[in-house]
Amino acid sequence: MGSFIFSILQQILGLLVLAIIVSAILSWLVAFNVINIRHPVANAVVRGLDAVTRPVLRPFQRFIPPLGGIDISPIVAIIVIQAAERYLLPWVHGFLFPFIG
């Protein structure tokens, strides 16, 4: 049971990293008018990814100012998420494994 939960959490964190990357790329494409957000599908995708990634990126954006108009908070968020996935999640799994099996 514990390995199943551990695996699910790893997959969720991986999907979150992917959503942050896709959201950042889409924001660049929208800024350079490659994608028109007046199109309903494009607008739905951009708004959906923004709804998923905003709660994760907002704390980083409060502390990291844009550098020359470039927002590096997605990069920092990805580094933190991957560090948590690599170091914190196995530690929690090892600590809780005796209790949940």
N, C-alpha and C. Protein backbone atom coordinates (compact mmCIF):
# COMPACT_ATOMS: atom_id res chain seq x y z
N MET A 1 0.82 -1.20 0.00
CA MET A 1 0.00 0.00 0.00
C MET A 1 0.86 1.26 0.00
N GLY A 2 1.93 1.25 0.82
CA GLY A 2 2.81 2.41 0.89
C GLY A 2 3.52 2.67 -0.42
N SER A 3 3.95 1.59 -1.11
CA SER A 3 4.62 1.76 -2.40
C SER A 3 3.66 2.31 -3.44
N PHE A 4 2.40 1.91 -3.37
CA PHE A 4 1.40 2.42 -4.30
C PHE A 4 1.21 3.93 -4.12
N ILE A 5 1.07 4.37 -2.88
CA ILE A 5 0.91 5.80 -2.59
C ILE A 5 2.15 6.57 -3.01
N PHE A 6 3.32 6.00 -2.72
CA PHE A 6 4.59 6.61 -3.12
C PHE A 6 4.65 6.79 -4.63
N SER A 7 4.26 5.77 -5.37
CA SER A 7 4.27 5.82 -6.83
C SER A 7 3.29 6.87 -7.36
N ILE A 8 2.11 6.94 -6.77
CA ILE A 8 1.11 7.93 -7.19
C ILE A 8 1.63 9.35 -6.95
N LEU A 9 2.25 9.59 -5.79
CA LEU A 9 2.80 10.91 -5.49
C LEU A 9 3.92 11.28 -6.47
N GLN A 10 4.75 10.31 -6.82
CA GLN A 10 5.81 10.57 -7.80
C GLN A 10 5.21 10.96 -9.15
N GLN A 11 4.18 10.27 -9.57
CA GLN A 11 3.55 10.57 -10.85
C GLN A 11 2.87 11.94 -10.85
N ILE A 12 2.25 12.30 -9.74
CA ILE A 12 1.60 13.61 -9.63
C ILE A 12 2.64 14.72 -9.71
N LEU A 13 3.76 14.55 -9.02
CA LEU A 13 4.83 15.55 -9.08
C LEU A 13 5.42 15.64 -10.49
N GLY A 14 5.56 14.51 -11.16
CA GLY A 14 6.04 14.52 -12.55
C GLY A 14 5.09 15.24 -13.48
N LEU A 15 3.80 15.01 -13.31
CA LEU A 15 2.81 15.72 -14.13
C LEU A 15 2.80 17.22 -13.83
N LEU A 16 3.03 17.57 -12.58
CA LEU A 16 3.08 18.99 -12.22
C LEU A 16 4.27 19.68 -12.89
N VAL A 17 5.41 19.01 -12.92
CA VAL A 17 6.58 19.56 -13.61
C VAL A 17 6.28 19.73 -15.09
N LEU A 18 5.66 18.73 -15.70
CA LEU A 18 5.30 18.82 -17.11
C LEU A 18 4.32 19.97 -17.36
N ALA A 19 3.35 20.15 -16.48
CA ALA A 19 2.38 21.25 -16.63
C ALA A 19 3.07 22.60 -16.52
N ILE A 20 4.05 22.72 -15.63
CA ILE A 20 4.79 23.99 -15.49
C ILE A 20 5.58 24.28 -16.76
N ILE A 21 6.22 23.27 -17.32
CA ILE A 21 7.00 23.46 -18.55
C ILE A 21 6.10 23.86 -19.71
N VAL A 22 5.00 23.15 -19.88
CA VAL A 22 4.07 23.46 -20.98
C VAL A 22 3.46 24.85 -20.78
N SER A 23 3.13 25.20 -19.56
CA SER A 23 2.56 26.53 -19.28
C SER A 23 3.55 27.64 -19.60
N ALA A 24 4.82 27.43 -19.26
CA ALA A 24 5.84 28.44 -19.56
C ALA A 24 6.02 28.60 -21.07
N ILE A 25 6.07 27.48 -21.78
CA ILE A 25 6.22 27.56 -23.24
C ILE A 25 5.01 28.23 -23.87
N LEU A 26 3.81 27.88 -23.40
CA LEU A 26 2.61 28.52 -23.95
C LEU A 26 2.58 30.01 -23.65
N SER A 27 3.07 30.42 -22.49
CA SER A 27 3.08 31.85 -22.18
C SER A 27 4.02 32.60 -23.12
N TRP A 28 5.13 31.99 -23.50
CA TRP A 28 6.02 32.61 -24.48
C TRP A 28 5.36 32.70 -25.84
N LEU A 29 4.67 31.62 -26.24
CA LEU A 29 4.00 31.62 -27.54
C LEU A 29 2.88 32.65 -27.60
N VAL A 30 2.18 32.83 -26.49
CA VAL A 30 1.13 33.85 -26.44
C VAL A 30 1.76 35.24 -26.47
N ALA A 31 2.87 35.44 -25.76
CA ALA A 31 3.53 36.76 -25.72
C ALA A 31 4.04 37.17 -27.10
N PHE A 32 4.47 36.21 -27.90
CA PHE A 32 4.99 36.52 -29.24
C PHE A 32 3.93 36.37 -30.33
N ASN A 33 2.67 36.28 -29.93
CA ASN A 33 1.53 36.19 -30.84
C ASN A 33 1.61 35.01 -31.80
N VAL A 34 2.21 33.92 -31.35
CA VAL A 34 2.21 32.69 -32.15
C VAL A 34 0.89 31.97 -31.93
N ILE A 35 0.39 32.03 -30.70
CA ILE A 35 -0.90 31.44 -30.36
C ILE A 35 -1.84 32.58 -29.99
N ASN A 36 -3.02 32.55 -30.59
CA ASN A 36 -4.04 33.56 -30.33
C ASN A 36 -4.98 33.01 -29.26
N ILE A 37 -5.01 33.66 -28.09
CA ILE A 37 -5.86 33.14 -27.01
C ILE A 37 -7.33 33.50 -27.20
N ARG A 38 -7.65 34.18 -28.28
CA ARG A 38 -9.07 34.40 -28.58
C ARG A 38 -9.72 33.15 -29.15
N HIS A 39 -8.90 32.20 -29.58
CA HIS A 39 -9.44 30.92 -30.04
C HIS A 39 -9.91 30.14 -28.81
N PRO A 40 -11.12 29.58 -28.84
CA PRO A 40 -11.67 28.94 -27.64
C PRO A 40 -10.83 27.79 -27.09
N VAL A 41 -10.27 26.96 -27.98
CA VAL A 41 -9.47 25.82 -27.51
C VAL A 41 -8.17 26.31 -26.88
N ALA A 42 -7.51 27.25 -27.54
CA ALA A 42 -6.26 27.79 -27.01
C ALA A 42 -6.52 28.48 -25.67
N ASN A 43 -7.61 29.23 -25.60
CA ASN A 43 -7.95 29.92 -24.35
C ASN A 43 -8.22 28.91 -23.23
N ALA A 44 -8.92 27.82 -23.54
CA ALA A 44 -9.23 26.81 -22.53
C ALA A 44 -7.96 26.12 -22.03
N VAL A 45 -7.05 25.82 -22.95
CA VAL A 45 -5.80 25.16 -22.56
C VAL A 45 -4.95 26.09 -21.70
N VAL A 46 -4.80 27.33 -22.12
CA VAL A 46 -3.98 28.29 -21.36
C VAL A 46 -4.59 28.54 -19.99
N ARG A 47 -5.89 28.72 -19.92
CA ARG A 47 -6.54 28.96 -18.63
C ARG A 47 -6.49 27.73 -17.73
N GLY A 48 -6.63 26.54 -18.30
CA GLY A 48 -6.56 25.31 -17.51
C GLY A 48 -5.17 25.09 -16.92
N LEU A 49 -4.13 25.28 -17.75
CA LEU A 49 -2.77 25.15 -17.24
C LEU A 49 -2.45 26.22 -16.21
N ASP A 50 -2.97 27.41 -16.44
CA ASP A 50 -2.75 28.49 -15.47
C ASP A 50 -3.41 28.16 -14.14
N ALA A 51 -4.59 27.56 -14.18
CA ALA A 51 -5.28 27.19 -12.94
C ALA A 51 -4.53 26.10 -12.18
N VAL A 52 -3.85 25.22 -12.90
CA VAL A 52 -3.09 24.15 -12.25
C VAL A 52 -1.77 24.66 -11.70
N THR A 53 -1.10 25.51 -12.46
CA THR A 53 0.26 25.92 -12.07
C THR A 53 0.31 27.17 -11.19
N ARG A 54 -0.71 28.00 -11.22
CA ARG A 54 -0.68 29.24 -10.45
C ARG A 54 -0.49 29.02 -8.94
N PRO A 55 -1.21 28.06 -8.32
CA PRO A 55 -1.00 27.87 -6.88
C PRO A 55 0.43 27.43 -6.52
N VAL A 56 1.10 26.77 -7.45
CA VAL A 56 2.47 26.33 -7.19
C VAL A 56 3.45 27.48 -7.44
N LEU A 57 3.23 28.24 -8.49
CA LEU A 57 4.19 29.29 -8.87
C LEU A 57 4.04 30.57 -8.08
N ARG A 58 2.86 30.86 -7.57
CA ARG A 58 2.61 32.12 -6.88
C ARG A 58 3.56 32.37 -5.70
N PRO A 59 3.82 31.39 -4.82
CA PRO A 59 4.76 31.66 -3.72
C PRO A 59 6.17 32.00 -4.22
N PHE A 60 6.60 31.36 -5.30
CA PHE A 60 7.92 31.66 -5.85
C PHE A 60 7.94 33.04 -6.50
N GLN A 61 6.85 33.43 -7.13
CA GLN A 61 6.78 34.73 -7.79
C GLN A 61 6.77 35.88 -6.79
N ARG A 62 6.31 35.60 -5.58
CA ARG A 62 6.32 36.64 -4.55
C ARG A 62 7.74 36.98 -4.11
N PHE A 63 8.62 35.98 -4.11
CA PHE A 63 9.98 36.19 -3.60
C PHE A 63 11.02 36.39 -4.69
N ILE A 64 10.74 35.96 -5.91
CA ILE A 64 11.70 36.08 -7.01
C ILE A 64 11.17 37.11 -8.00
N PRO A 65 11.82 38.27 -8.08
CA PRO A 65 11.35 39.28 -9.03
C PRO A 65 11.73 38.87 -10.46
N PRO A 66 10.97 39.34 -11.45
CA PRO A 66 11.35 39.06 -12.85
C PRO A 66 12.69 39.71 -13.17
N LEU A 67 13.54 38.98 -13.83
CA LEU A 67 14.86 39.48 -14.20
C LEU A 67 14.83 39.95 -15.65
N GLY A 68 14.77 41.25 -15.84
CA GLY A 68 14.72 41.81 -17.19
C GLY A 68 13.48 41.38 -17.95
N GLY A 69 12.37 41.23 -17.25
CA GLY A 69 11.12 40.83 -17.88
C GLY A 69 10.97 39.32 -18.02
N ILE A 70 11.96 38.56 -17.57
CA ILE A 70 11.89 37.10 -17.66
C ILE A 70 11.58 36.55 -16.27
N ASP A 71 10.53 35.75 -16.20
CA ASP A 71 10.11 35.14 -14.95
C ASP A 71 10.83 33.81 -14.79
N ILE A 72 11.71 33.72 -13.80
CA ILE A 72 12.45 32.47 -13.58
C ILE A 72 11.81 31.61 -12.50
N SER A 73 10.66 32.01 -12.00
CA SER A 73 10.02 31.23 -10.95
C SER A 73 9.65 29.81 -11.40
N PRO A 74 9.27 29.56 -12.67
CA PRO A 74 9.03 28.17 -13.06
C PRO A 74 10.27 27.28 -12.94
N ILE A 75 11.43 27.83 -13.25
CA ILE A 75 12.67 27.06 -13.14
C ILE A 75 12.95 26.71 -11.69
N VAL A 76 12.80 27.69 -10.81
CA VAL A 76 13.04 27.45 -9.38
C VAL A 76 12.01 26.47 -8.83
N ALA A 77 10.76 26.59 -9.26
CA ALA A 77 9.71 25.68 -8.80
C ALA A 77 10.00 24.25 -9.24
N ILE A 78 10.47 24.07 -10.47
CA ILE A 78 10.80 22.74 -10.97
C ILE A 78 11.96 22.15 -10.18
N ILE A 79 12.96 22.95 -9.87
CA ILE A 79 14.10 22.47 -9.07
C ILE A 79 13.63 22.03 -7.69
N VAL A 80 12.77 22.81 -7.07
CA VAL A 80 12.26 22.46 -5.73
C VAL A 80 11.41 21.19 -5.79
N ILE A 81 10.55 21.08 -6.80
CA ILE A 81 9.69 19.90 -6.93
C ILE A 81 10.54 18.65 -7.16
N GLN A 82 11.54 18.75 -8.02
CA GLN A 82 12.38 17.58 -8.29
C GLN A 82 13.23 17.22 -7.08
N ALA A 83 13.68 18.20 -6.32
CA ALA A 83 14.42 17.91 -5.09
C ALA A 83 13.51 17.22 -4.07
N ALA A 84 12.28 17.69 -3.97
CA ALA A 84 11.33 17.05 -3.05
C ALA A 84 11.05 15.62 -3.50
N GLU A 85 10.92 15.43 -4.80
CA GLU A 85 10.65 14.09 -5.33
C GLU A 85 11.84 13.15 -5.11
N ARG A 86 13.03 13.67 -5.25
CA ARG A 86 14.21 12.83 -5.15
C ARG A 86 14.64 12.56 -3.71
N TYR A 87 14.51 13.56 -2.82
CA TYR A 87 15.06 13.42 -1.47
C TYR A 87 13.99 13.33 -0.38
N LEU A 88 12.98 14.18 -0.45
CA LEU A 88 11.98 14.23 0.61
C LEU A 88 10.98 13.08 0.53
N LEU A 89 10.51 12.77 -0.67
CA LEU A 89 9.52 11.71 -0.82
C LEU A 89 10.06 10.34 -0.39
N PRO A 90 11.29 9.94 -0.78
CA PRO A 90 11.81 8.66 -0.28
C PRO A 90 11.99 8.64 1.24
N TRP A 91 12.37 9.76 1.81
CA TRP A 91 12.53 9.83 3.26
C TRP A 91 11.18 9.63 3.95
N VAL A 92 10.16 10.29 3.45
CA VAL A 92 8.82 10.14 4.02
C VAL A 92 8.33 8.71 3.82
N HIS A 93 8.61 8.15 2.64
CA HIS A 93 8.20 6.77 2.37
C HIS A 93 8.89 5.81 3.34
N GLY A 94 10.18 5.98 3.56
CA GLY A 94 10.90 5.12 4.50
C GLY A 94 10.42 5.29 5.93
N PHE A 95 10.03 6.49 6.29
CA PHE A 95 9.56 6.76 7.64
C PHE A 95 8.17 6.19 7.86
N LEU A 96 7.29 6.32 6.87
CA LEU A 96 5.89 5.89 7.03
C LEU A 96 5.66 4.44 6.64
N PHE A 97 6.60 3.83 5.91
CA PHE A 97 6.39 2.46 5.43
C PHE A 97 6.08 1.47 6.55
N PRO A 98 6.76 1.51 7.70
CA PRO A 98 6.40 0.56 8.76
C PRO A 98 4.96 0.74 9.28
N PHE A 99 4.42 1.95 9.17
CA PHE A 99 3.09 2.20 9.71
C PHE A 99 1.97 1.83 8.75
N ILE A 100 2.21 2.05 7.43
CA ILE A 100 1.13 1.80 6.47
C ILE A 100 1.36 0.54 5.63
N GLY A 101 2.51 -0.05 5.74
CA GLY A 101 2.79 -1.31 5.06
C GLY A 101 3.13 -1.22 3.68
